[in-house]
C-alpha atoms as a PDB file:
ATOM      1  CA  UNK A   1       0.000   0.000   0.000  1.00  0.00           C
ATOM      2  CA  UNK A   2       1.365   3.424  -0.937  1.00  0.00           C
ATOM      3  CA  UNK A   3       0.934   6.462   1.265  1.00  0.00           C
ATOM      4  CA  UNK A   4      -1.021   9.425  -0.060  1.00  0.00           C
ATOM      5  CA  UNK A   5       1.261  12.323  -0.986  1.00  0.00           C
ATOM      6  CA  UNK A   6       0.025  15.697   0.271  1.00  0.00           C
ATOM      7  CA  UNK A   7       1.058  18.967  -1.360  1.00  0.00           C
ATOM      8  CA  UNK A   8      -0.600  22.040   0.214  1.00  0.00           C
ATOM      9  CA  UNK A   9      -2.898  23.860  -2.219  1.00  0.00           C
ATOM     10  CA  UNK A  10      -2.206  21.261  -4.924  1.00  0.00           C
ATOM     11  CA  UNK A  11      -4.072  21.720  -8.208  1.00  0.00           C
ATOM     12  CA  UNK A  12      -4.235  19.280 -11.105  1.00  0.00           C
ATOM     13  CA  UNK A  13      -3.959  20.201 -14.756  1.00  0.00           C
ATOM     14  CA  UNK A  14      -1.652  21.049 -17.615  1.00  0.00           C
ATOM     15  CA  UNK A  15       0.599  24.063 -17.019  1.00  0.00           C
ATOM     16  CA  UNK A  16       2.640  26.131 -19.484  1.00  0.00           C
ATOM     17  CA  UNK A  17       5.988  27.363 -18.200  1.00  0.00           C
ATOM     18  CA  UNK A  18       6.042  31.172 -18.159  1.00  0.00           C
ATOM     19  CA  UNK A  19       9.540  32.211 -19.339  1.00  0.00           C
ATOM     20  CA  UNK A  20       9.070  35.797 -18.159  1.00  0.00           C
ATOM     21  CA  UNK A  21       8.682  34.577 -14.565  1.00  0.00           C
ATOM     22  CA  UNK A  22      11.072  31.608 -14.715  1.00  0.00           C
ATOM     23  CA  UNK A  23      14.821  31.083 -14.753  1.00  0.00           C
ATOM     24  CA  UNK A  24      17.005  28.245 -16.009  1.00  0.00           C
ATOM     25  CA  UNK A  25      20.582  28.792 -14.871  1.00  0.00           C
ATOM     26  CA  UNK A  26      23.829  26.935 -14.258  1.00  0.00           C
ATOM     27  CA  UNK A  27      27.172  27.197 -12.479  1.00  0.00           C
ATOM     28  CA  UNK A  28      30.512  25.621 -13.345  1.00  0.00           C
ATOM     29  CA  UNK A  29      33.927  25.905 -11.698  1.00  0.00           C
ATOM     30  CA  UNK A  30      36.531  28.052 -13.449  1.00  0.00           C
ATOM     31  CA  UNK A  31      40.230  27.361 -12.796  1.00  0.00           C
ATOM     32  CA  UNK A  32      39.139  25.501  -9.669  1.00  0.00           C
ATOM     33  CA  UNK A  33      38.841  28.747  -7.716  1.00  0.00           C
ATOM     34  CA  UNK A  34      35.594  30.403  -8.727  1.00  0.00           C
ATOM     35  CA  UNK A  35      32.240  29.688 -10.328  1.00  0.00           C
ATOM     36  CA  UNK A  36      30.991  31.004 -13.646  1.00  0.00           C
ATOM     37  CA  UNK A  37      27.244  31.500 -13.771  1.00  0.00           C
ATOM     38  CA  UNK A  38      24.989  31.601 -16.759  1.00  0.00           C
ATOM     39  CA  UNK A  39      21.411  31.194 -17.864  1.00  0.00           C
ATOM     40  CA  UNK A  40      19.290  30.368 -20.860  1.00  0.00           C
ATOM     41  CA  UNK A  41      16.898  33.091 -21.965  1.00  0.00           C
ATOM     42  CA  UNK A  42      14.657  31.148 -24.366  1.00  0.00           C
ATOM     43  CA  UNK A  43      12.787  28.036 -23.286  1.00  0.00           C
ATOM     44  CA  UNK A  44       9.334  26.506 -23.101  1.00  0.00           C
ATOM     45  CA  UNK A  45       7.775  23.589 -21.368  1.00  0.00           C
ATOM     46  CA  UNK A  46       4.771  21.900 -19.901  1.00  0.00           C
ATOM     47  CA  UNK A  47       4.059  20.466 -16.482  1.00  0.00           C
ATOM     48  CA  UNK A  48       1.156  18.096 -15.963  1.00  0.00           C
ATOM     49  CA  UNK A  49       0.053  17.700 -12.351  1.00  0.00           C
ATOM     50  CA  UNK A  50      -1.905  14.475 -11.964  1.00  0.00           C
ATOM     51  CA  UNK A  51      -4.431  13.527  -9.278  1.00  0.00           C
ATOM     52  CA  UNK A  52      -1.643  11.405  -7.767  1.00  0.00           C
ATOM     53  CA  UNK A  53       1.336  13.815  -7.657  1.00  0.00           C
ATOM     54  CA  UNK A  54       3.736  10.927  -8.348  1.00  0.00           C
ATOM     55  CA  UNK A  55       2.108  10.448 -11.765  1.00  0.00           C
ATOM     56  CA  UNK A  56       2.840  14.054 -12.790  1.00  0.00           C
ATOM     57  CA  UNK A  57       5.215  14.891 -15.640  1.00  0.00           C
ATOM     58  CA  UNK A  58       7.350  17.682 -17.051  1.00  0.00           C
ATOM     59  CA  UNK A  59       8.957  18.453 -20.401  1.00  0.00           C
ATOM     60  CA  UNK A  60      11.229  21.392 -21.199  1.00  0.00           C
ATOM     61  CA  UNK A  61      12.931  22.549 -24.398  1.00  0.00           C
ATOM     62  CA  UNK A  62      15.736  25.117 -24.153  1.00  0.00           C
ATOM     63  CA  UNK A  63      17.159  27.045 -27.109  1.00  0.00           C
ATOM     64  CA  UNK A  64      20.909  26.443 -26.754  1.00  0.00           C
ATOM     65  CA  UNK A  65      21.849  29.678 -28.550  1.00  0.00           C
ATOM     66  CA  UNK A  66      20.048  31.687 -25.858  1.00  0.00           C
ATOM     67  CA  UNK A  67      22.892  31.092 -23.399  1.00  0.00           C
ATOM     68  CA  UNK A  68      23.979  34.211 -21.496  1.00  0.00           C
ATOM     69  CA  UNK A  69      26.981  34.244 -19.135  1.00  0.00           C
ATOM     70  CA  UNK A  70      27.267  38.037 -19.121  1.00  0.00           C
ATOM     71  CA  UNK A  71      30.309  37.836 -21.400  1.00  0.00           C
ATOM     72  CA  UNK A  72      29.755  37.937 -25.182  1.00  0.00           C
ATOM     73  CA  UNK A  73      33.116  36.335 -26.089  1.00  0.00           C
ATOM     74  CA  UNK A  74      32.498  33.444 -23.683  1.00  0.00           C
ATOM     75  CA  UNK A  75      28.905  33.040 -24.912  1.00  0.00           C
ATOM     76  CA  UNK A  76      30.113  32.828 -28.515  1.00  0.00           C
ATOM     77  CA  UNK A  77      32.690  30.185 -27.536  1.00  0.00           C
ATOM     78  CA  UNK A  78      30.089  28.129 -25.635  1.00  0.00           C
ATOM     79  CA  UNK A  79      27.736  28.274 -28.652  1.00  0.00           C
ATOM     80  CA  UNK A  80      30.561  26.865 -30.825  1.00  0.00           C
ATOM     81  CA  UNK A  81      31.548  23.324 -31.732  1.00  0.00           C
ATOM     82  CA  UNK A  82      33.805  22.714 -28.716  1.00  0.00           C
ATOM     83  CA  UNK A  83      30.897  23.222 -26.327  1.00  0.00           C
ATOM     84  CA  UNK A  84      27.171  23.212 -27.189  1.00  0.00           C
ATOM     85  CA  UNK A  85      27.546  23.326 -31.004  1.00  0.00           C
ATOM     86  CA  UNK A  86      24.222  25.148 -31.370  1.00  0.00           C
ATOM     87  CA  UNK A  87      24.279  24.908 -35.171  1.00  0.00           C
ATOM     88  CA  UNK A  88      24.168  21.111 -34.979  1.00  0.00           C
ATOM     89  CA  UNK A  89      22.265  20.782 -31.670  1.00  0.00           C
ATOM     90  CA  UNK A  90      19.935  23.792 -31.368  1.00  0.00           C
ATOM     91  CA  UNK A  91      18.046  22.555 -28.294  1.00  0.00           C
ATOM     92  CA  UNK A  92      18.577  20.995 -24.901  1.00  0.00           C
ATOM     93  CA  UNK A  93      15.629  18.948 -23.637  1.00  0.00           C
ATOM     94  CA  UNK A  94      14.383  17.292 -20.477  1.00  0.00           C
ATOM     95  CA  UNK A  95      11.514  14.785 -20.374  1.00  0.00           C
ATOM     96  CA  UNK A  96      10.496  13.250 -17.074  1.00  0.00           C
ATOM     97  CA  UNK A  97      10.073   9.499 -16.817  1.00  0.00           C
ATOM     98  CA  UNK A  98       8.795   9.368 -13.248  1.00  0.00           C
ATOM     99  CA  UNK A  99       8.410  11.183  -9.978  1.00  0.00           C
ATOM    100  CA  UNK A 100       9.199   9.861  -6.509  1.00  0.00           C
ATOM    101  CA  UNK A 101       8.924  11.143  -2.976  1.00  0.00           C
ATOM    102  CA  UNK A 102      12.271  11.587  -1.187  1.00  0.00           C
ATOM    103  CA  UNK A 103      12.915  12.989   2.269  1.00  0.00           C
ATOM    104  CA  UNK A 104      10.960  16.261   2.405  1.00  0.00           C
ATOM    105  CA  UNK A 105      10.437  16.673  -1.336  1.00  0.00           C
ATOM    106  CA  UNK A 106      10.467  14.931  -4.677  1.00  0.00           C
ATOM    107  CA  UNK A 107      12.835  13.790  -7.385  1.00  0.00           C
ATOM    108  CA  UNK A 108      11.896  13.940 -11.035  1.00  0.00           C
ATOM    109  CA  UNK A 109      13.677  11.202 -12.939  1.00  0.00           C
ATOM    110  CA  UNK A 110      14.055  11.850 -16.623  1.00  0.00           C
ATOM    111  CA  UNK A 111      16.111  12.050 -19.751  1.00  0.00           C
ATOM    112  CA  UNK A 112      18.269  15.114 -20.380  1.00  0.00           C
ATOM    113  CA  UNK A 113      19.611  15.671 -23.900  1.00  0.00           C
ATOM    114  CA  UNK A 114      22.564  18.025 -24.350  1.00  0.00           C
ATOM    115  CA  UNK A 115      24.854  18.191 -27.386  1.00  0.00           C
ATOM    116  CA  UNK A 116      22.906  15.330 -28.990  1.00  0.00           C
ATOM    117  CA  UNK A 117      23.611  12.984 -26.054  1.00  0.00           C
ATOM    118  CA  UNK A 118      20.814  11.721 -23.800  1.00  0.00           C
ATOM    119  CA  UNK A 119      21.409  10.610 -20.222  1.00  0.00           C
ATOM    120  CA  UNK A 120      19.220   9.732 -17.257  1.00  0.00           C
ATOM    121  CA  UNK A 121      19.224  12.435 -14.587  1.00  0.00           C
ATOM    122  CA  UNK A 122      17.307  13.096 -11.386  1.00  0.00           C
ATOM    123  CA  UNK A 123      16.188  16.615 -10.510  1.00  0.00           C
ATOM    124  CA  UNK A 124      15.601  17.471  -6.874  1.00  0.00           C
ATOM    125  CA  UNK A 125      12.134  19.035  -7.097  1.00  0.00           C
ATOM    126  CA  UNK A 126      10.343  21.323  -4.688  1.00  0.00           C
ATOM    127  CA  UNK A 127       6.754  22.464  -5.275  1.00  0.00           C
ATOM    128  CA  UNK A 128       6.694  26.100  -4.145  1.00  0.00           C
ATOM    129  CA  UNK A 129       2.951  26.517  -4.225  1.00  0.00           C
ATOM    130  CA  UNK A 130      -0.213  27.060  -6.202  1.00  0.00           C
ATOM    131  CA  UNK A 131      -2.052  30.380  -6.342  1.00  0.00           C
ATOM    132  CA  UNK A 132      -4.299  32.691  -8.292  1.00  0.00           C
ATOM    133  CA  UNK A 133      -2.420  35.083 -10.545  1.00  0.00           C
ATOM    134  CA  UNK A 134      -3.278  38.123 -12.604  1.00  0.00           C
ATOM    135  CA  UNK A 135      -6.835  38.038 -13.954  1.00  0.00           C
ATOM    136  CA  UNK A 136      -7.673  34.924 -11.954  1.00  0.00           C
ATOM    137  CA  UNK A 137      -5.318  32.591 -13.821  1.00  0.00           C
ATOM    138  CA  UNK A 138      -4.068  29.659 -11.774  1.00  0.00           C
ATOM    139  CA  UNK A 139      -0.287  29.628 -11.322  1.00  0.00           C
ATOM    140  CA  UNK A 140       2.162  27.156  -9.829  1.00  0.00           C
ATOM    141  CA  UNK A 141       5.787  27.459  -8.784  1.00  0.00           C
ATOM    142  CA  UNK A 142       8.537  24.839  -8.674  1.00  0.00           C
ATOM    143  CA  UNK A 143      12.263  24.791  -7.943  1.00  0.00           C
ATOM    144  CA  UNK A 144      14.576  22.055  -9.187  1.00  0.00           C
ATOM    145  CA  UNK A 145      18.302  21.334  -9.172  1.00  0.00           C
ATOM    146  CA  UNK A 146      20.625  18.694 -10.541  1.00  0.00           C
ATOM    147  CA  UNK A 147      24.306  18.206 -11.202  1.00  0.00           C
ATOM    148  CA  UNK A 148      25.652  16.705 -14.417  1.00  0.00           C
ATOM    149  CA  UNK A 149      29.033  15.805 -15.868  1.00  0.00           C
ATOM    150  CA  UNK A 150      29.625  17.811 -19.043  1.00  0.00           C
ATOM    151  CA  UNK A 151      32.036  15.099 -20.272  1.00  0.00           C
ATOM    152  CA  UNK A 152      29.226  12.518 -20.152  1.00  0.00           C
ATOM    153  CA  UNK A 153      27.335  14.695 -22.645  1.00  0.00           C
ATOM    154  CA  UNK A 154      30.348  15.125 -24.949  1.00  0.00           C
ATOM    155  CA  UNK A 155      30.827  18.786 -24.043  1.00  0.00           C
ATOM    156  CA  UNK A 156      34.632  18.821 -23.886  1.00  0.00           C
ATOM    157  CA  UNK A 157      35.257  22.510 -24.475  1.00  0.00           C
ATOM    158  CA  UNK A 158      38.388  21.867 -26.519  1.00  0.00           C
ATOM    159  CA  UNK A 159      41.476  23.665 -25.157  1.00  0.00           C
ATOM    160  CA  UNK A 160      39.311  26.129 -23.183  1.00  0.00           C
ATOM    161  CA  UNK A 161      37.598  23.192 -21.485  1.00  0.00           C
ATOM    162  CA  UNK A 162      40.750  22.493 -19.467  1.00  0.00           C
ATOM    163  CA  UNK A 163      40.033  25.654 -17.457  1.00  0.00           C
ATOM    164  CA  UNK A 164      36.587  24.402 -16.418  1.00  0.00           C
ATOM    165  CA  UNK A 165      35.374  21.824 -13.966  1.00  0.00           C
ATOM    166  CA  UNK A 166      33.450  18.800 -15.214  1.00  0.00           C
ATOM    167  CA  UNK A 167      30.452  19.214 -12.909  1.00  0.00           C
ATOM    168  CA  UNK A 168      27.691  21.599 -13.925  1.00  0.00           C
ATOM    169  CA  UNK A 169      24.967  22.508 -11.427  1.00  0.00           C
ATOM    170  CA  UNK A 170      21.655  23.300 -13.106  1.00  0.00           C
ATOM    171  CA  UNK A 171      18.959  25.270 -11.268  1.00  0.00           C
ATOM    172  CA  UNK A 172      15.396  25.864 -12.415  1.00  0.00           C
ATOM    173  CA  UNK A 173      13.027  28.376 -10.855  1.00  0.00           C
ATOM    174  CA  UNK A 174       9.731  27.835 -12.640  1.00  0.00           C
ATOM    175  CA  UNK A 175       6.397  29.625 -12.641  1.00  0.00           C
ATOM    176  CA  UNK A 176       3.718  28.048 -14.789  1.00  0.00           C
ATOM    177  CA  UNK A 177       0.179  29.044 -15.738  1.00  0.00           C
ATOM    178  CA  UNK A 178      -2.581  26.472 -15.942  1.00  0.00           C
ATOM    179  CA  UNK A 179      -3.975  25.912 -19.418  1.00  0.00           C
ATOM    180  CA  UNK A 180      -7.759  26.002 -19.001  1.00  0.00           C
END
């Protein structure tokens, strides 16, 4: 017998990620002494909250060329063939394959595709709440984090890659509006 999962204020439905109120960002070590931060400015996705929260799903598509690290020369290099190769691989995607309760939150298991390589990842997921937004629209908020190995996705970085750590921490702060 499985225990009933309770999420305060939980609402079911299909939700469109609102890019103007959401953030997809990352950090990576530089020279082992600091962290470089960046974000993606163009993305879309859908969250489906099911009656049983553990049957919910999420899918996200990120435009790789929308990367912004606050340094144009670095952004151009990361868009190039040694890193994301946005001409050949214009999107990064995540599709959940399952949700599970862990400790005081959830993990969303899924498939992340970066640089044409797909790998299983788990995102630590926190539902931040459900509310009524502007004009009565239903909104929901979620936070998620994961850490990946860029080498496992074939993102070597060429000679510049030697200055960067292998681990990339990805953070998502998502607000979504229910599609009625």
